C-alpha cells in the first residue's frame, strides 16, 4: 500500500508490525520459551484488532481504483449532460436542465467529500460516500436520459399525431365494413387526450422530465392496444 502512495494509518502499521514480529518468533522457535508464549498470547489478544483492521486495509488497497473509476464516471456524466443541453428547442426546458446540472454538481461534491474523508483517515466513511456516489451517478444518467427525451419532444409529438391520424383512417375503414369500432374509438380518444396533455406540457416552462416520460409510456401502451 505504501508503495502505491496510500497513507496507511500509524495504528495499522503498528498492529501489523507487532503481529508479524510475534509470528516470526513462533515460526523460528525450536522450543517453547517465555518469549514464544508471550508472542502467542499477543497474537491471541489482538485477534479482534486484526479482524477489524483487515477489511480496512482491503478498502485502502481498492481506494485508488475506485477513485479513478469515479473520476471517469464524472467525466462521462458531464459529457452526457453537455450533449443533452444541445439541440433545437432545449431552451424551453431550462429549469429541467438546471435541475439535472445541480444533481451532477452535487455528485462531484460528493466525490470531493469522499476524497477528503480518505485523506483524513476516515476510510469507512469515505467508502460509504463512494457507494452513495455511484448510486447517484446511475440516477443522474437516468435524469439525463429523460432530458434527451425532452429534446426530442417535437419529433415525438409529430409521430404521435401521425399515428393517431393513421388509426382514425383505419377505424373509419373498418366502420364502413360494419365492424364494431367503439373500443377502438375509445383508445383513439384517450390517445388524443394524452397528446393534448403532452402539447400543453411542452409549452409549459420548467416541466419535469418524468411527466413527459409517463405520458409517452401511456401513449405507447395505447398504441399497442
Protein backbone atom coordinates (compact mmCIF):
# COMPACT_ATOMS: atom_id res chain seq x y z
CA UNK A 1 0.00 0.00 0.00
CA UNK A 2 2.79 2.38 0.88
CA UNK A 3 4.40 1.69 -2.48
CA UNK A 4 1.15 2.77 -4.12
CA UNK A 5 1.27 6.13 -2.39
CA UNK A 6 -1.52 5.29 0.06
CA UNK A 7 -1.14 6.69 3.56
CA UNK A 8 -1.63 3.78 5.97
CA UNK A 9 -2.69 4.88 9.49
CA UNK A 10 0.11 4.51 12.02
CA UNK A 11 -2.04 2.28 14.24
CA UNK A 12 -2.49 -0.18 11.36
CA UNK A 13 1.25 -0.29 10.67
CA UNK A 14 1.96 -0.81 14.35
CA UNK A 15 -0.53 -3.68 14.65
CA UNK A 16 0.72 -5.46 11.51
CA UNK A 17 4.34 -4.94 12.59
CA UNK A 18 3.73 -6.31 16.10
CA UNK A 19 1.85 -9.36 14.86
CA UNK A 20 4.37 -10.06 12.11
CA UNK A 21 7.11 -9.96 14.72
CA UNK A 22 5.19 -12.32 17.00
CA UNK A 23 4.54 -14.75 14.14
CA UNK A 24 8.23 -14.65 13.24
CA UNK A 25 9.21 -15.55 16.79
CA UNK A 26 6.88 -18.56 16.81
CA UNK A 27 7.97 -19.77 13.35
CA UNK A 28 11.66 -19.59 14.24
CA UNK A 29 11.29 -21.14 17.69
CA UNK A 30 12.70 -24.60 18.31
CA UNK A 31 11.26 -24.88 21.82
CA UNK A 32 8.57 -23.33 23.97
CA UNK A 33 10.04 -20.36 25.81
CA UNK A 34 8.68 -17.37 27.67
CA UNK A 35 9.27 -15.29 24.55
CA UNK A 36 7.28 -17.74 22.42
CA UNK A 37 4.47 -17.83 24.96
CA UNK A 38 4.38 -14.06 25.07
CA UNK A 39 4.24 -13.93 21.27
CA UNK A 40 1.39 -16.46 21.17
CA UNK A 41 -0.55 -14.52 23.79
CA UNK A 42 -0.03 -11.28 21.85
CA UNK A 43 -1.48 -12.87 18.70
CA UNK A 44 -4.46 -14.23 20.58
CA UNK A 45 -5.15 -10.97 22.42
CA UNK A 46 -5.02 -8.88 19.25
CA UNK A 47 -7.16 -11.10 17.03
CA UNK A 48 -10.15 -8.74 17.34
CA UNK A 49 -7.99 -5.80 16.26
CA UNK A 50 -6.72 -7.79 13.29
CA UNK A 51 -10.25 -8.74 12.22
CA UNK A 52 -11.20 -5.07 12.34
CA UNK A 53 -8.15 -3.76 10.51
CA UNK A 54 -8.07 -6.43 7.78
CA UNK A 55 -11.16 -5.20 5.88
CA UNK A 56 -9.99 -1.62 6.26
CA UNK A 57 -6.65 -2.45 4.67
CA UNK A 58 -8.54 -4.15 1.83
CA UNK A 59 -10.59 -0.97 1.38
CA UNK A 60 -7.41 1.07 1.32
CA UNK A 61 -6.00 -1.13 -1.41
CA UNK A 62 -9.13 -0.65 -3.56
CA UNK A 63 -9.31 3.10 -2.98
CA UNK A 64 -7.06 4.30 -5.88
CA UNK A 65 -9.00 2.13 -8.33
CA UNK A 66 -12.35 3.37 -7.03
CA UNK A 67 -11.18 6.96 -7.21
CA UNK A 68 -10.08 6.53 -10.83
CA UNK A 69 -13.43 4.94 -11.73
CA UNK A 70 -15.27 7.78 -10.00
CA UNK A 71 -13.36 10.44 -11.96
CA UNK A 72 -14.15 8.57 -15.18
CA UNK A 73 -17.87 8.41 -14.25
CA UNK A 74 -17.94 12.15 -13.57
CA UNK A 75 -16.36 12.86 -16.97
CA UNK A 76 -18.93 10.64 -18.73
CA UNK A 77 -21.77 12.25 -16.82
CA UNK A 78 -20.70 15.80 -17.67
CA UNK A 79 -20.21 14.86 -21.32
CA UNK A 80 -23.70 13.32 -21.46
CA UNK A 81 -25.19 16.41 -19.82
CA UNK A 82 -23.45 18.71 -22.31
CA UNK A 83 -24.85 16.62 -25.17
CA UNK A 84 -28.36 16.72 -23.72
CA UNK A 85 -28.21 20.52 -23.42
CA UNK A 86 -27.61 20.92 -27.15
CA UNK A 87 -30.26 20.89 -29.83
CA UNK A 88 -33.24 22.79 -31.08
CA UNK A 89 -35.82 23.97 -28.59
CA UNK A 90 -33.96 22.91 -25.44
CA UNK A 91 -34.29 26.42 -24.00
CA UNK A 92 -37.91 25.68 -23.07
CA UNK A 93 -36.60 23.01 -20.69
CA UNK A 94 -34.15 25.32 -18.94
CA UNK A 95 -35.48 24.51 -15.47
CA UNK A 96 -35.28 20.76 -16.01
CA UNK A 97 -31.73 21.13 -17.36
CA UNK A 98 -30.75 23.27 -14.37
CA UNK A 99 -32.13 20.62 -12.04
CA UNK A 100 -30.04 17.86 -13.60
CA UNK A 101 -26.97 20.12 -13.72
CA UNK A 102 -27.46 20.63 -9.98
CA UNK A 103 -27.54 16.85 -9.49
CA UNK A 104 -24.25 16.49 -11.38
CA UNK A 105 -22.62 19.26 -9.34
CA UNK A 106 -23.77 17.58 -6.11
CA UNK A 107 -22.28 14.29 -7.29
CA UNK A 108 -18.92 15.95 -7.94
CA UNK A 109 -19.09 17.48 -4.45
CA UNK A 110 -19.81 14.04 -3.00
CA UNK A 111 -16.65 12.69 -4.65
CA UNK A 112 -14.59 15.53 -3.20
CA UNK A 113 -16.11 14.83 0.21
CA UNK A 114 -15.12 11.15 -0.07
CA UNK A 115 -11.56 12.13 -1.02
CA UNK A 116 -11.32 14.47 1.95
CA UNK A 117 -12.56 11.76 4.31
CA UNK A 118 -10.00 9.33 2.94
CA UNK A 119 -7.23 11.90 3.33
CA UNK A 120 -8.26 12.31 6.97
CA UNK A 121 -8.07 8.54 7.52
CA UNK A 122 -11.86 8.11 7.74
CA UNK A 123 -11.87 5.27 5.23
CA UNK A 124 -15.15 3.61 6.21
CA UNK A 125 -16.97 6.93 5.89
CA UNK A 126 -15.16 7.57 2.60
CA UNK A 127 -16.24 4.20 1.22
CA UNK A 128 -19.82 4.88 2.32
CA UNK A 129 -19.75 8.19 0.47
CA UNK A 130 -18.34 6.44 -2.58
CA UNK A 131 -21.17 3.88 -2.59
CA UNK A 132 -23.68 6.74 -2.48
CA UNK A 133 -21.68 8.44 -5.24
CA UNK A 134 -22.05 5.53 -7.66
CA UNK A 135 -25.79 5.22 -6.88
CA UNK A 136 -26.21 8.94 -7.57
CA UNK A 137 -24.31 8.62 -10.86
CA UNK A 138 -26.79 5.97 -12.06
CA UNK A 139 -29.73 8.17 -11.07
CA UNK A 140 -28.21 11.17 -12.85
CA UNK A 141 -27.75 9.14 -16.05
CA UNK A 142 -31.46 8.31 -15.91
CA UNK A 143 -32.29 12.01 -15.49
CA UNK A 144 -30.08 12.89 -18.45
CA UNK A 145 -31.82 10.21 -20.49
CA UNK A 146 -35.12 11.91 -19.72
CA UNK A 147 -33.63 15.25 -20.77
CA UNK A 148 -32.72 13.73 -24.12
CA UNK A 149 -36.32 12.61 -24.44
CA UNK A 150 -37.45 16.16 -23.78
CA UNK A 151 -35.12 17.35 -26.51
CA UNK A 152 -36.91 15.06 -28.93
CA UNK A 153 -40.40 16.09 -27.82
CA UNK A 154 -41.28 17.88 -31.08
CA UNK A 155 -40.45 14.77 -33.08
CA UNK A 156 -42.40 12.56 -30.68
CA UNK A 157 -45.45 14.81 -30.89
CA UNK A 158 -45.31 14.73 -34.67
CA UNK A 159 -45.09 10.93 -34.68
CA UNK A 160 -47.98 10.67 -32.23
CA UNK A 161 -50.14 12.91 -34.44
CA UNK A 162 -49.29 10.76 -37.44
CA UNK A 163 -50.13 7.52 -35.62
CA UNK A 164 -53.47 8.82 -34.39
CA UNK A 165 -54.42 10.03 -37.87
CA UNK A 166 -53.48 6.66 -39.33
CA UNK A 167 -55.52 4.81 -36.71
CA UNK A 168 -58.53 7.05 -37.35
CA UNK A 169 -58.42 6.23 -41.07
CA UNK A 170 -58.22 2.53 -40.30
CA UNK A 171 -61.12 2.74 -37.85
CA UNK A 172 -63.25 4.64 -40.39
CA UNK A 173 -62.49 1.97 -42.98
CA UNK A 174 -63.44 -0.82 -40.55
CA UNK A 175 -66.62 1.01 -39.53
CA UNK A 176 -67.70 1.24 -43.18
CA UNK A 177 -67.32 -2.52 -43.37
CA UNK A 178 -69.78 -2.87 -40.48
CA UNK A 179 -67.27 -3.64 -37.75
CA UNK A 180 -67.83 -2.61 -34.13
CA UNK A 181 -65.16 0.02 -33.55
CA UNK A 182 -66.40 1.58 -30.32
CA UNK A 183 -63.48 0.23 -28.28
CA UNK A 184 -61.00 1.44 -30.89
CA UNK A 185 -62.55 4.90 -30.93
CA UNK A 186 -62.21 4.92 -27.13
CA UNK A 187 -58.49 4.19 -27.44
CA UNK A 188 -58.09 6.93 -30.03
CA UNK A 189 -59.98 9.47 -27.90
CA UNK A 190 -57.78 8.61 -24.94
CA UNK A 191 -54.70 8.94 -27.15
CA UNK A 192 -55.78 12.38 -28.36
CA UNK A 193 -56.32 13.43 -24.75
CA UNK A 194 -52.81 12.28 -23.81
CA UNK A 195 -51.43 14.06 -26.86
CA UNK A 196 -53.04 17.33 -25.80
CA UNK A 197 -51.53 16.88 -22.33
CA UNK A 198 -48.12 16.42 -23.94
CA UNK A 199 -48.53 19.54 -26.05
CA UNK A 200 -49.54 21.58 -23.02
CA UNK A 201 -46.60 20.18 -21.07
CA UNK A 202 -44.18 21.03 -23.86
CA UNK A 203 -45.37 24.65 -23.84
CA UNK A 204 -45.04 24.95 -20.09
CA UNK A 205 -41.64 26.07 -18.88
CA UNK A 206 -39.97 24.00 -16.18
CA UNK A 207 -41.82 20.79 -16.91
CA UNK A 208 -40.39 17.72 -15.21
CA UNK A 209 -38.81 15.07 -17.50
CA UNK A 210 -40.67 12.38 -15.56
CA UNK A 211 -44.00 13.90 -16.62
CA UNK A 212 -43.11 13.54 -20.30
CA UNK A 213 -41.85 10.02 -19.75
CA UNK A 214 -45.05 8.87 -18.02
CA UNK A 215 -47.27 10.37 -20.71
CA UNK A 216 -45.21 8.83 -23.50
CA UNK A 217 -45.38 5.47 -21.74
CA UNK A 218 -49.16 5.79 -21.55
CA UNK A 219 -49.39 6.68 -25.24
CA UNK A 220 -47.16 3.77 -26.22
CA UNK A 221 -49.41 1.41 -24.25
CA UNK A 222 -52.46 2.85 -26.03
CA UNK A 223 -50.73 2.48 -29.40
CA UNK A 224 -50.08 -1.23 -28.71
CA UNK A 225 -53.66 -1.80 -27.60
